[in-house]
């Protein structure tokens, strides 16, 4: 049971890390290309 909890928390941490990395990349895209900002913003609004 404890092992499962540790494993789960590791997975969650990894997912959160991936999300933060992705969002950082998106921020870079926003700076580089205003069109991508519009694109990602519309994507986010749809979800």
C-alpha atoms as a PDB file:
ATOM      1  CA  UNK A   1       0.000   0.000   0.000  1.00  0.00           C
ATOM      2  CA  UNK A   2       2.712   2.473   0.992  1.00  0.00           C
ATOM      3  CA  UNK A   3       4.766   1.462  -2.033  1.00  0.00           C
ATOM      4  CA  UNK A   4       1.788   2.149  -4.281  1.00  0.00           C
ATOM      5  CA  UNK A   5       1.341   5.588  -2.750  1.00  0.00           C
ATOM      6  CA  UNK A   6       4.991   6.443  -3.301  1.00  0.00           C
ATOM      7  CA  UNK A   7       4.798   5.190  -6.862  1.00  0.00           C
ATOM      8  CA  UNK A   8       1.646   7.212  -7.491  1.00  0.00           C
ATOM      9  CA  UNK A   9       3.172  10.376  -6.112  1.00  0.00           C
ATOM     10  CA  UNK A  10       6.231   9.889  -8.311  1.00  0.00           C
ATOM     11  CA  UNK A  11       4.006   9.545 -11.373  1.00  0.00           C
ATOM     12  CA  UNK A  12       2.035  12.640 -10.418  1.00  0.00           C
ATOM     13  CA  UNK A  13       5.242  14.608  -9.872  1.00  0.00           C
ATOM     14  CA  UNK A  14       6.522  13.524 -13.267  1.00  0.00           C
ATOM     15  CA  UNK A  15       3.272  14.570 -14.938  1.00  0.00           C
ATOM     16  CA  UNK A  16       3.379  17.959 -13.210  1.00  0.00           C
ATOM     17  CA  UNK A  17       6.977  18.419 -14.287  1.00  0.00           C
ATOM     18  CA  UNK A  18       6.066  17.603 -17.886  1.00  0.00           C
ATOM     19  CA  UNK A  19       3.182  20.076 -17.761  1.00  0.00           C
ATOM     20  CA  UNK A  20       5.412  22.836 -16.442  1.00  0.00           C
ATOM     21  CA  UNK A  21       8.014  22.107 -19.126  1.00  0.00           C
ATOM     22  CA  UNK A  22       5.331  22.179 -21.825  1.00  0.00           C
ATOM     23  CA  UNK A  23       3.897  25.427 -20.526  1.00  0.00           C
ATOM     24  CA  UNK A  24       7.384  26.942 -20.484  1.00  0.00           C
ATOM     25  CA  UNK A  25       7.804  25.929 -24.132  1.00  0.00           C
ATOM     26  CA  UNK A  26       4.448  27.474 -24.923  1.00  0.00           C
ATOM     27  CA  UNK A  27       5.542  30.699 -23.247  1.00  0.00           C
ATOM     28  CA  UNK A  28       8.629  30.724 -25.456  1.00  0.00           C
ATOM     29  CA  UNK A  29       6.395  30.236 -28.480  1.00  0.00           C
ATOM     30  CA  UNK A  30       4.277  33.162 -27.352  1.00  0.00           C
ATOM     31  CA  UNK A  31       7.348  35.371 -27.346  1.00  0.00           C
ATOM     32  CA  UNK A  32       8.551  34.082 -30.715  1.00  0.00           C
ATOM     33  CA  UNK A  33       5.284  33.924 -32.637  1.00  0.00           C
ATOM     34  CA  UNK A  34       2.119  35.850 -31.796  1.00  0.00           C
ATOM     35  CA  UNK A  35       0.193  33.508 -34.116  1.00  0.00           C
ATOM     36  CA  UNK A  36       1.033  30.517 -31.960  1.00  0.00           C
ATOM     37  CA  UNK A  37      -0.145  32.455 -28.933  1.00  0.00           C
ATOM     38  CA  UNK A  38      -3.525  32.896 -30.568  1.00  0.00           C
ATOM     39  CA  UNK A  39      -3.530  29.255 -31.582  1.00  0.00           C
ATOM     40  CA  UNK A  40      -2.679  27.922 -28.121  1.00  0.00           C
ATOM     41  CA  UNK A  41      -5.050  30.352 -26.453  1.00  0.00           C
ATOM     42  CA  UNK A  42      -7.909  29.114 -28.615  1.00  0.00           C
ATOM     43  CA  UNK A  43      -6.888  25.526 -27.883  1.00  0.00           C
ATOM     44  CA  UNK A  44      -6.923  26.209 -24.163  1.00  0.00           C
ATOM     45  CA  UNK A  45     -10.315  27.895 -24.356  1.00  0.00           C
ATOM     46  CA  UNK A  46     -11.733  24.829 -26.075  1.00  0.00           C
ATOM     47  CA  UNK A  47     -10.700  22.531 -23.219  1.00  0.00           C
END
